[in-house]
C-alpha cells in the first residue's frame, strides 16, 4: 500500500533525526511535519542541548512549521514521530490542528495519560480542535531499538 511506504519513508527520516539527537546527548527522538507532498519542518529532541524542557522533537517540528508557513494552523498536515507524543506535545498537536499523527515506538500504556493519546484523541478535550487520526507502530522495532540503546 502506498500510504504504508510513505509512512515508512518519513519514519526513517525521523529515525535519522533521532540519531542526531542522541549525538548531542538528548533522548533519541525525531519528528517531522508533512503538508501535501512536502516536508515543511523537522525536529529532534533538544532538551539537554538547549536546556529547554519544552524542546521535544514534536514541539521543535511544530515551531519550525509555524515559522515556515507563517501560521499556527496546520490543518491537513501529518506529524511523524519516532515515539508516541507525550501529553505536552499531544496538546500542542491538537492546537496546531494536525490531521494525522504517525508514531513508531510506544511510550507506555496507550490508555494512560503519559502516552498522549488521551489528550490527542479525546474529542471532549479541546472540543473546538478536532482530534487527529492516529497511525501507530510504524517501524516500531527500529524505533524501539533506538530507545533501547539509551546510555
C-alpha atoms as a PDB file:
ATOM      1  CA  UNK A   1       0.000   0.000   0.000  1.00  0.00           C
ATOM      2  CA  UNK A   2       1.335   3.440  -0.982  1.00  0.00           C
ATOM      3  CA  UNK A   3       0.460   5.108   2.345  1.00  0.00           C
ATOM      4  CA  UNK A   4       2.386   2.453   4.273  1.00  0.00           C
ATOM      5  CA  UNK A   5       5.505   3.003   2.135  1.00  0.00           C
ATOM      6  CA  UNK A   6       5.226   6.762   2.579  1.00  0.00           C
ATOM      7  CA  UNK A   7       4.837   6.369   6.332  1.00  0.00           C
ATOM      8  CA  UNK A   8       7.916   4.144   6.443  1.00  0.00           C
ATOM      9  CA  UNK A   9       9.948   6.568   4.318  1.00  0.00           C
ATOM     10  CA  UNK A  10       9.105   9.504   6.563  1.00  0.00           C
ATOM     11  CA  UNK A  11       9.644   7.439   9.708  1.00  0.00           C
ATOM     12  CA  UNK A  12      13.145   6.546   8.501  1.00  0.00           C
ATOM     13  CA  UNK A  13      13.883  10.272   8.388  1.00  0.00           C
ATOM     14  CA  UNK A  14      12.578  10.526  11.972  1.00  0.00           C
ATOM     15  CA  UNK A  15      14.984   7.752  12.931  1.00  0.00           C
ATOM     16  CA  UNK A  16      17.894   9.695  11.403  1.00  0.00           C
ATOM     17  CA  UNK A  17      16.838  12.778  13.366  1.00  0.00           C
ATOM     18  CA  UNK A  18      16.647  10.619  16.498  1.00  0.00           C
ATOM     19  CA  UNK A  19      20.253   9.516  15.954  1.00  0.00           C
ATOM     20  CA  UNK A  20      21.246  13.190  15.577  1.00  0.00           C
ATOM     21  CA  UNK A  21      19.574  13.945  18.899  1.00  0.00           C
ATOM     22  CA  UNK A  22      21.469  11.100  20.544  1.00  0.00           C
ATOM     23  CA  UNK A  23      24.752  12.586  19.302  1.00  0.00           C
ATOM     24  CA  UNK A  24      24.096  15.731  21.353  1.00  0.00           C
ATOM     25  CA  UNK A  25      23.220  13.759  24.486  1.00  0.00           C
ATOM     26  CA  UNK A  26      19.479  14.080  24.106  1.00  0.00           C
ATOM     27  CA  UNK A  27      16.836  11.382  24.058  1.00  0.00           C
ATOM     28  CA  UNK A  28      16.769   9.781  20.601  1.00  0.00           C
ATOM     29  CA  UNK A  29      13.502  11.175  19.257  1.00  0.00           C
ATOM     30  CA  UNK A  30      12.890  12.657  15.826  1.00  0.00           C
ATOM     31  CA  UNK A  31       9.819  14.239  14.271  1.00  0.00           C
ATOM     32  CA  UNK A  32       8.750  15.872  11.032  1.00  0.00           C
ATOM     33  CA  UNK A  33       5.699  17.524   9.546  1.00  0.00           C
ATOM     34  CA  UNK A  34       4.453  16.887   6.032  1.00  0.00           C
ATOM     35  CA  UNK A  35       1.882  19.055   4.272  1.00  0.00           C
ATOM     36  CA  UNK A  36       0.778  17.649   0.948  1.00  0.00           C
ATOM     37  CA  UNK A  37       3.880  16.027  -0.519  1.00  0.00           C
ATOM     38  CA  UNK A  38       6.306  18.436   1.143  1.00  0.00           C
ATOM     39  CA  UNK A  39       8.279  18.051   4.350  1.00  0.00           C
ATOM     40  CA  UNK A  40       7.742  21.506   5.855  1.00  0.00           C
ATOM     41  CA  UNK A  41       9.583  21.006   9.136  1.00  0.00           C
ATOM     42  CA  UNK A  42      11.809  18.681  11.108  1.00  0.00           C
ATOM     43  CA  UNK A  43      12.560  18.468  14.794  1.00  0.00           C
ATOM     44  CA  UNK A  44      14.793  16.457  17.045  1.00  0.00           C
ATOM     45  CA  UNK A  45      14.876  16.221  20.790  1.00  0.00           C
ATOM     46  CA  UNK A  46      16.922  19.137  22.136  1.00  0.00           C
ATOM     47  CA  UNK A  47      16.031  19.320  25.848  1.00  0.00           C
ATOM     48  CA  UNK A  48      19.626  18.888  27.034  1.00  0.00           C
ATOM     49  CA  UNK A  49      21.298  20.622  24.113  1.00  0.00           C
ATOM     50  CA  UNK A  50      19.191  23.767  24.541  1.00  0.00           C
ATOM     51  CA  UNK A  51      18.494  23.479  28.280  1.00  0.00           C
ATOM     52  CA  UNK A  52      14.796  23.817  27.468  1.00  0.00           C
ATOM     53  CA  UNK A  53      12.350  21.274  28.874  1.00  0.00           C
ATOM     54  CA  UNK A  54       9.861  22.072  26.098  1.00  0.00           C
ATOM     55  CA  UNK A  55      12.324  21.271  23.289  1.00  0.00           C
ATOM     56  CA  UNK A  56      10.768  17.903  22.451  1.00  0.00           C
ATOM     57  CA  UNK A  57      11.119  16.737  18.855  1.00  0.00           C
ATOM     58  CA  UNK A  58       7.431  17.316  18.097  1.00  0.00           C
ATOM     59  CA  UNK A  59       7.467  20.841  19.556  1.00  0.00           C
ATOM     60  CA  UNK A  60      10.625  21.680  17.615  1.00  0.00           C
ATOM     61  CA  UNK A  61       8.959  20.485  14.392  1.00  0.00           C
ATOM     62  CA  UNK A  62       5.801  22.459  15.158  1.00  0.00           C
ATOM     63  CA  UNK A  63       7.797  25.644  15.839  1.00  0.00           C
ATOM     64  CA  UNK A  64       9.668  25.253  12.553  1.00  0.00           C
ATOM     65  CA  UNK A  65       6.433  24.608  10.627  1.00  0.00           C
ATOM     66  CA  UNK A  66       4.737  27.672  12.141  1.00  0.00           C
ATOM     67  CA  UNK A  67       7.717  29.843  11.192  1.00  0.00           C
ATOM     68  CA  UNK A  68       7.931  28.471   7.673  1.00  0.00           C
ATOM     69  CA  UNK A  69       4.206  28.690   6.943  1.00  0.00           C
ATOM     70  CA  UNK A  70       3.574  31.923   8.832  1.00  0.00           C
ATOM     71  CA  UNK A  71       0.642  30.301  10.598  1.00  0.00           C
ATOM     72  CA  UNK A  72      -0.073  28.045  13.544  1.00  0.00           C
ATOM     73  CA  UNK A  73      -2.871  26.291  11.636  1.00  0.00           C
ATOM     74  CA  UNK A  74      -1.502  23.079  10.143  1.00  0.00           C
ATOM     75  CA  UNK A  75      -4.845  21.603   9.092  1.00  0.00           C
ATOM     76  CA  UNK A  76      -4.230  18.712   6.726  1.00  0.00           C
ATOM     77  CA  UNK A  77      -0.681  18.247   7.988  1.00  0.00           C
ATOM     78  CA  UNK A  78       0.807  14.953   9.076  1.00  0.00           C
ATOM     79  CA  UNK A  79       3.149  14.779  12.051  1.00  0.00           C
ATOM     80  CA  UNK A  80       5.549  11.838  12.131  1.00  0.00           C
ATOM     81  CA  UNK A  81       7.370  10.993  15.338  1.00  0.00           C
ATOM     82  CA  UNK A  82       9.636   8.114  16.288  1.00  0.00           C
ATOM     83  CA  UNK A  83       7.971   7.838  19.721  1.00  0.00           C
ATOM     84  CA  UNK A  84       4.349   8.454  20.693  1.00  0.00           C
ATOM     85  CA  UNK A  85       3.847  12.073  21.787  1.00  0.00           C
ATOM     86  CA  UNK A  86       3.744  12.999  25.461  1.00  0.00           C
ATOM     87  CA  UNK A  87       0.851  14.960  26.945  1.00  0.00           C
ATOM     88  CA  UNK A  88       2.522  18.348  26.322  1.00  0.00           C
ATOM     89  CA  UNK A  89       3.207  17.510  22.694  1.00  0.00           C
ATOM     90  CA  UNK A  90      -0.246  15.988  22.199  1.00  0.00           C
ATOM     91  CA  UNK A  91      -1.865  19.200  23.427  1.00  0.00           C
ATOM     92  CA  UNK A  92       0.275  21.312  21.073  1.00  0.00           C
ATOM     93  CA  UNK A  93      -0.514  18.972  18.175  1.00  0.00           C
ATOM     94  CA  UNK A  94      -4.228  19.464  18.827  1.00  0.00           C
ATOM     95  CA  UNK A  95      -3.837  23.256  18.952  1.00  0.00           C
ATOM     96  CA  UNK A  96      -1.960  23.156  15.632  1.00  0.00           C
ATOM     97  CA  UNK A  97      -4.844  21.215  14.048  1.00  0.00           C
ATOM     98  CA  UNK A  98      -2.590  18.443  12.721  1.00  0.00           C
ATOM     99  CA  UNK A  99      -4.822  15.963  10.874  1.00  0.00           C
ATOM    100  CA  UNK A 100      -2.803  12.755  11.267  1.00  0.00           C
ATOM    101  CA  UNK A 101      -0.158  11.634  13.759  1.00  0.00           C
ATOM    102  CA  UNK A 102       2.053   8.713  12.753  1.00  0.00           C
ATOM    103  CA  UNK A 103       4.206   7.219  15.513  1.00  0.00           C
ATOM    104  CA  UNK A 104       6.782   4.480  15.877  1.00  0.00           C
ATOM    105  CA  UNK A 105       7.709   3.281  19.365  1.00  0.00           C
ATOM    106  CA  UNK A 106       5.169   3.303  22.127  1.00  0.00           C
ATOM    107  CA  UNK A 107       5.693   5.465  25.177  1.00  0.00           C
ATOM    108  CA  UNK A 108       3.681   3.290  27.521  1.00  0.00           C
ATOM    109  CA  UNK A 109       0.131   2.092  28.004  1.00  0.00           C
ATOM    110  CA  UNK A 110      -1.995   3.761  25.320  1.00  0.00           C
ATOM    111  CA  UNK A 111      -4.816   4.204  27.843  1.00  0.00           C
ATOM    112  CA  UNK A 112      -2.528   6.036  30.248  1.00  0.00           C
ATOM    113  CA  UNK A 113      -2.200   9.815  30.051  1.00  0.00           C
ATOM    114  CA  UNK A 114       1.573   9.639  29.564  1.00  0.00           C
ATOM    115  CA  UNK A 115       1.154   8.268  26.053  1.00  0.00           C
ATOM    116  CA  UNK A 116      -0.546  11.485  24.982  1.00  0.00           C
ATOM    117  CA  UNK A 117      -3.230   9.532  23.168  1.00  0.00           C
ATOM    118  CA  UNK A 118      -5.909  10.511  25.668  1.00  0.00           C
ATOM    119  CA  UNK A 119      -5.196  14.196  25.031  1.00  0.00           C
ATOM    120  CA  UNK A 120      -4.547  13.557  21.363  1.00  0.00           C
ATOM    121  CA  UNK A 121      -7.748  11.690  20.561  1.00  0.00           C
ATOM    122  CA  UNK A 122     -10.381  12.568  23.177  1.00  0.00           C
ATOM    123  CA  UNK A 123     -12.939  14.833  21.440  1.00  0.00           C
ATOM    124  CA  UNK A 124     -14.011  16.332  24.797  1.00  0.00           C
ATOM    125  CA  UNK A 125     -10.526  17.795  25.309  1.00  0.00           C
ATOM    126  CA  UNK A 126     -10.240  20.980  23.266  1.00  0.00           C
ATOM    127  CA  UNK A 127     -13.637  20.464  21.610  1.00  0.00           C
ATOM    128  CA  UNK A 128     -13.011  23.279  19.106  1.00  0.00           C
ATOM    129  CA  UNK A 129      -9.906  21.491  17.833  1.00  0.00           C
ATOM    130  CA  UNK A 130     -10.730  18.200  16.119  1.00  0.00           C
ATOM    131  CA  UNK A 131      -8.625  15.237  17.187  1.00  0.00           C
ATOM    132  CA  UNK A 132      -6.250  13.913  14.566  1.00  0.00           C
ATOM    133  CA  UNK A 133      -6.354  10.422  13.185  1.00  0.00           C
ATOM    134  CA  UNK A 134      -3.591   8.216  14.568  1.00  0.00           C
ATOM    135  CA  UNK A 135      -1.417   5.567  12.918  1.00  0.00           C
ATOM    136  CA  UNK A 136       0.750   3.672  15.390  1.00  0.00           C
ATOM    137  CA  UNK A 137       3.626   1.215  15.311  1.00  0.00           C
ATOM    138  CA  UNK A 138       5.233   2.323  12.030  1.00  0.00           C
ATOM    139  CA  UNK A 139       8.710   0.754  12.033  1.00  0.00           C
ATOM    140  CA  UNK A 140       8.109   0.021  15.716  1.00  0.00           C
ATOM    141  CA  UNK A 141      11.053  -2.382  16.036  1.00  0.00           C
ATOM    142  CA  UNK A 142      13.561   0.127  14.651  1.00  0.00           C
ATOM    143  CA  UNK A 143      12.107   2.964  16.721  1.00  0.00           C
ATOM    144  CA  UNK A 144      12.153   0.870  19.880  1.00  0.00           C
ATOM    145  CA  UNK A 145      15.723  -0.292  19.204  1.00  0.00           C
ATOM    146  CA  UNK A 146      16.973   3.303  19.187  1.00  0.00           C
ATOM    147  CA  UNK A 147      15.265   3.944  22.527  1.00  0.00           C
ATOM    148  CA  UNK A 148      16.678   0.737  23.987  1.00  0.00           C
ATOM    149  CA  UNK A 149      20.205   1.979  23.265  1.00  0.00           C
ATOM    150  CA  UNK A 150      19.877   4.975  25.593  1.00  0.00           C
ATOM    151  CA  UNK A 151      23.034   5.163  27.697  1.00  0.00           C
END
